[in-house]
């Protein structure tokens, strides 16, 4: 698929000139200073792309869980998703790895929660974009 010929419902636009620069969305609602994490030799005095990915994925996944829950008459609005995005060295390069920690309310433990999580992982655009590209572990808490 060519993104320029698709008919998107929404397109986010952001510009940055690097890990030690600002990142700004076209609408100006996000304007953040980025900084290399201390673990990579930076100051850590700003956000980094991995944090932004973690925040977006957690928000998207929890929203998808809630929407699927609604279609199945399951209350999933109190589900909390924590996304952990790691930079993992591979030779001279880095790759990403992810852990999604999902905190389910008591009524969703067991089979209903497992099915809900599987469905969300198959639908969430972040999960789909990373499928087969990076290791993703899902931990139910």
C-alpha atoms as a PDB file:
ATOM      1  CA  UNK A   1       0.000   0.000   0.000  1.00  0.00           C
ATOM      2  CA  UNK A   2       1.199   3.435  -0.856  1.00  0.00           C
ATOM      3  CA  UNK A   3       0.284   5.908   1.938  1.00  0.00           C
ATOM      4  CA  UNK A   4       0.035   8.775  -0.520  1.00  0.00           C
ATOM      5  CA  UNK A   5      -2.758   7.057  -2.474  1.00  0.00           C
ATOM      6  CA  UNK A   6      -4.709   5.825   0.561  1.00  0.00           C
ATOM      7  CA  UNK A   7      -7.669   7.700   1.975  1.00  0.00           C
ATOM      8  CA  UNK A   8      -6.653   8.158   5.634  1.00  0.00           C
ATOM      9  CA  UNK A   9      -9.139   9.100   8.323  1.00  0.00           C
ATOM     10  CA  UNK A  10      -6.470  11.080  10.166  1.00  0.00           C
ATOM     11  CA  UNK A  11      -2.815  11.945   9.631  1.00  0.00           C
ATOM     12  CA  UNK A  12      -0.543  13.210  12.394  1.00  0.00           C
ATOM     13  CA  UNK A  13       2.321  15.418  11.249  1.00  0.00           C
ATOM     14  CA  UNK A  14       5.387  16.137  13.376  1.00  0.00           C
ATOM     15  CA  UNK A  15       8.803  17.539  12.620  1.00  0.00           C
ATOM     16  CA  UNK A  16      12.110  17.117  14.435  1.00  0.00           C
ATOM     17  CA  UNK A  17      15.756  17.423  13.546  1.00  0.00           C
ATOM     18  CA  UNK A  18      17.041  14.760  15.927  1.00  0.00           C
ATOM     19  CA  UNK A  19      17.180  13.229  19.367  1.00  0.00           C
ATOM     20  CA  UNK A  20      18.600  16.432  20.883  1.00  0.00           C
ATOM     21  CA  UNK A  21      16.134  18.821  19.287  1.00  0.00           C
ATOM     22  CA  UNK A  22      12.518  19.846  19.529  1.00  0.00           C
ATOM     23  CA  UNK A  23       9.662  17.791  18.151  1.00  0.00           C
ATOM     24  CA  UNK A  24       6.644  19.812  17.081  1.00  0.00           C
ATOM     25  CA  UNK A  25       3.338  18.729  15.606  1.00  0.00           C
ATOM     26  CA  UNK A  26       1.902  20.705  12.721  1.00  0.00           C
ATOM     27  CA  UNK A  27      -1.035  21.845  14.863  1.00  0.00           C
ATOM     28  CA  UNK A  28       1.331  23.017  17.624  1.00  0.00           C
ATOM     29  CA  UNK A  29      -0.374  20.922  20.314  1.00  0.00           C
ATOM     30  CA  UNK A  30       2.823  18.970  20.944  1.00  0.00           C
ATOM     31  CA  UNK A  31       6.039  20.928  21.272  1.00  0.00           C
ATOM     32  CA  UNK A  32       8.613  19.023  23.283  1.00  0.00           C
ATOM     33  CA  UNK A  33      12.325  19.130  23.816  1.00  0.00           C
ATOM     34  CA  UNK A  34      13.921  15.792  22.988  1.00  0.00           C
ATOM     35  CA  UNK A  35      17.103  14.576  24.614  1.00  0.00           C
ATOM     36  CA  UNK A  36      19.240  11.504  24.363  1.00  0.00           C
ATOM     37  CA  UNK A  37      18.682   9.319  27.462  1.00  0.00           C
ATOM     38  CA  UNK A  38      21.479   9.264  30.043  1.00  0.00           C
ATOM     39  CA  UNK A  39      21.894   5.543  29.295  1.00  0.00           C
ATOM     40  CA  UNK A  40      22.975   6.507  25.774  1.00  0.00           C
ATOM     41  CA  UNK A  41      25.336   9.257  26.897  1.00  0.00           C
ATOM     42  CA  UNK A  42      22.855  12.114  26.756  1.00  0.00           C
ATOM     43  CA  UNK A  43      21.597  14.519  29.370  1.00  0.00           C
ATOM     44  CA  UNK A  44      18.176  12.930  29.733  1.00  0.00           C
ATOM     45  CA  UNK A  45      16.764  16.461  30.048  1.00  0.00           C
ATOM     46  CA  UNK A  46      13.933  15.868  27.611  1.00  0.00           C
ATOM     47  CA  UNK A  47      11.650  13.231  26.223  1.00  0.00           C
ATOM     48  CA  UNK A  48      12.938  10.634  23.804  1.00  0.00           C
ATOM     49  CA  UNK A  49      11.247   8.882  20.876  1.00  0.00           C
ATOM     50  CA  UNK A  50      10.897   5.633  22.832  1.00  0.00           C
ATOM     51  CA  UNK A  51       8.864   7.412  25.518  1.00  0.00           C
ATOM     52  CA  UNK A  52       6.608   8.920  22.875  1.00  0.00           C
ATOM     53  CA  UNK A  53       6.098   5.506  21.267  1.00  0.00           C
ATOM     54  CA  UNK A  54       5.343   3.954  24.680  1.00  0.00           C
ATOM     55  CA  UNK A  55       2.758   6.633  25.483  1.00  0.00           C
ATOM     56  CA  UNK A  56       1.054   6.325  22.098  1.00  0.00           C
ATOM     57  CA  UNK A  57       0.975   2.528  22.144  1.00  0.00           C
ATOM     58  CA  UNK A  58      -0.376   2.365  25.722  1.00  0.00           C
ATOM     59  CA  UNK A  59      -3.126   4.865  24.900  1.00  0.00           C
ATOM     60  CA  UNK A  60      -4.066   3.172  21.640  1.00  0.00           C
ATOM     61  CA  UNK A  61      -4.086  -0.356  23.080  1.00  0.00           C
ATOM     62  CA  UNK A  62      -6.224   0.615  26.079  1.00  0.00           C
ATOM     63  CA  UNK A  63      -8.687   2.428  23.807  1.00  0.00           C
ATOM     64  CA  UNK A  64      -8.963  -0.625  21.546  1.00  0.00           C
ATOM     65  CA  UNK A  65      -9.510  -2.864  24.591  1.00  0.00           C
ATOM     66  CA  UNK A  66     -12.345  -0.615  25.751  1.00  0.00           C
ATOM     67  CA  UNK A  67     -13.981  -0.437  22.309  1.00  0.00           C
ATOM     68  CA  UNK A  68     -13.847  -4.210  21.823  1.00  0.00           C
ATOM     69  CA  UNK A  69     -15.177  -4.673  25.344  1.00  0.00           C
ATOM     70  CA  UNK A  70     -18.149  -2.465  24.503  1.00  0.00           C
ATOM     71  CA  UNK A  71     -19.025  -4.628  21.490  1.00  0.00           C
ATOM     72  CA  UNK A  72     -18.929  -7.726  23.726  1.00  0.00           C
ATOM     73  CA  UNK A  73     -20.794  -6.145  26.661  1.00  0.00           C
ATOM     74  CA  UNK A  74     -17.615  -6.299  28.763  1.00  0.00           C
ATOM     75  CA  UNK A  75     -16.645  -3.340  30.916  1.00  0.00           C
ATOM     76  CA  UNK A  76     -12.995  -2.671  30.029  1.00  0.00           C
ATOM     77  CA  UNK A  77     -12.814   1.042  30.799  1.00  0.00           C
ATOM     78  CA  UNK A  78     -10.723   0.451  33.952  1.00  0.00           C
ATOM     79  CA  UNK A  79      -8.040  -1.548  32.141  1.00  0.00           C
ATOM     80  CA  UNK A  80      -4.601   0.047  32.464  1.00  0.00           C
ATOM     81  CA  UNK A  81      -1.908  -0.546  29.844  1.00  0.00           C
ATOM     82  CA  UNK A  82       1.751   0.215  30.466  1.00  0.00           C
ATOM     83  CA  UNK A  83       4.006   0.017  27.419  1.00  0.00           C
ATOM     84  CA  UNK A  84       7.736  -0.458  27.903  1.00  0.00           C
ATOM     85  CA  UNK A  85       9.863   0.281  24.860  1.00  0.00           C
ATOM     86  CA  UNK A  86      13.501  -0.786  25.001  1.00  0.00           C
ATOM     87  CA  UNK A  87      16.438  -0.023  22.752  1.00  0.00           C
ATOM     88  CA  UNK A  88      18.368  -3.255  22.382  1.00  0.00           C
ATOM     89  CA  UNK A  89      21.874  -3.302  20.892  1.00  0.00           C
ATOM     90  CA  UNK A  90      22.308  -5.695  17.977  1.00  0.00           C
ATOM     91  CA  UNK A  91      25.872  -5.519  16.700  1.00  0.00           C
ATOM     92  CA  UNK A  92      26.558  -1.914  15.711  1.00  0.00           C
ATOM     93  CA  UNK A  93      22.846  -1.022  15.587  1.00  0.00           C
ATOM     94  CA  UNK A  94      19.837  -0.912  17.864  1.00  0.00           C
ATOM     95  CA  UNK A  95      16.460  -2.549  17.579  1.00  0.00           C
ATOM     96  CA  UNK A  96      13.323  -2.040  19.614  1.00  0.00           C
ATOM     97  CA  UNK A  97      11.616  -4.475  21.962  1.00  0.00           C
ATOM     98  CA  UNK A  98       8.324  -3.994  23.758  1.00  0.00           C
ATOM     99  CA  UNK A  99       6.512  -5.243  26.815  1.00  0.00           C
ATOM    100  CA  UNK A 100       2.829  -4.438  27.224  1.00  0.00           C
ATOM    101  CA  UNK A 101       1.759  -4.775  30.865  1.00  0.00           C
ATOM    102  CA  UNK A 102      -1.996  -5.008  31.111  1.00  0.00           C
ATOM    103  CA  UNK A 103      -3.739  -4.552  34.415  1.00  0.00           C
ATOM    104  CA  UNK A 104      -7.193  -6.085  34.255  1.00  0.00           C
ATOM    105  CA  UNK A 105     -10.044  -5.549  36.710  1.00  0.00           C
ATOM    106  CA  UNK A 106     -11.095  -8.722  38.554  1.00  0.00           C
ATOM    107  CA  UNK A 107     -14.122  -9.390  36.326  1.00  0.00           C
ATOM    108  CA  UNK A 108     -11.859  -9.676  33.259  1.00  0.00           C
ATOM    109  CA  UNK A 109      -9.359 -12.165  34.665  1.00  0.00           C
ATOM    110  CA  UNK A 110      -9.180 -15.533  32.943  1.00  0.00           C
ATOM    111  CA  UNK A 111     -10.652 -16.380  29.554  1.00  0.00           C
ATOM    112  CA  UNK A 112     -12.659 -13.156  28.929  1.00  0.00           C
ATOM    113  CA  UNK A 113      -9.573 -11.001  29.484  1.00  0.00           C
ATOM    114  CA  UNK A 114      -7.306 -13.260  27.445  1.00  0.00           C
ATOM    115  CA  UNK A 115      -9.674 -13.136  24.462  1.00  0.00           C
ATOM    116  CA  UNK A 116     -10.082  -9.387  24.801  1.00  0.00           C
ATOM    117  CA  UNK A 117      -6.304  -8.848  24.850  1.00  0.00           C
ATOM    118  CA  UNK A 118      -5.750 -11.127  21.847  1.00  0.00           C
ATOM    119  CA  UNK A 119      -8.402  -9.266  19.867  1.00  0.00           C
ATOM    120  CA  UNK A 120      -6.935  -5.880  20.822  1.00  0.00           C
ATOM    121  CA  UNK A 121      -3.427  -6.983  19.857  1.00  0.00           C
ATOM    122  CA  UNK A 122      -4.758  -8.027  16.429  1.00  0.00           C
ATOM    123  CA  UNK A 123      -6.557  -4.701  15.916  1.00  0.00           C
ATOM    124  CA  UNK A 124      -4.374  -2.038  17.584  1.00  0.00           C
ATOM    125  CA  UNK A 125      -2.512  -0.130  14.832  1.00  0.00           C
ATOM    126  CA  UNK A 126       0.679   0.007  16.925  1.00  0.00           C
ATOM    127  CA  UNK A 127       0.606  -3.740  17.510  1.00  0.00           C
ATOM    128  CA  UNK A 128      -0.039  -4.353  13.834  1.00  0.00           C
ATOM    129  CA  UNK A 129       2.754  -2.009  12.761  1.00  0.00           C
ATOM    130  CA  UNK A 130       5.289  -3.799  14.937  1.00  0.00           C
ATOM    131  CA  UNK A 131       4.017  -7.350  14.310  1.00  0.00           C
ATOM    132  CA  UNK A 132       6.934  -9.508  13.207  1.00  0.00           C
ATOM    133  CA  UNK A 133       9.306  -6.527  13.320  1.00  0.00           C
ATOM    134  CA  UNK A 134      10.183  -6.412  17.005  1.00  0.00           C
ATOM    135  CA  UNK A 135       9.718  -8.765  19.940  1.00  0.00           C
ATOM    136  CA  UNK A 136       6.567  -7.955  21.909  1.00  0.00           C
ATOM    137  CA  UNK A 137       5.714  -9.577  25.220  1.00  0.00           C
ATOM    138  CA  UNK A 138       2.268  -9.195  26.767  1.00  0.00           C
ATOM    139  CA  UNK A 139       2.098  -9.527  30.544  1.00  0.00           C
ATOM    140  CA  UNK A 140      -1.258  -9.633  32.293  1.00  0.00           C
ATOM    141  CA  UNK A 141      -1.122  -8.293  35.817  1.00  0.00           C
END
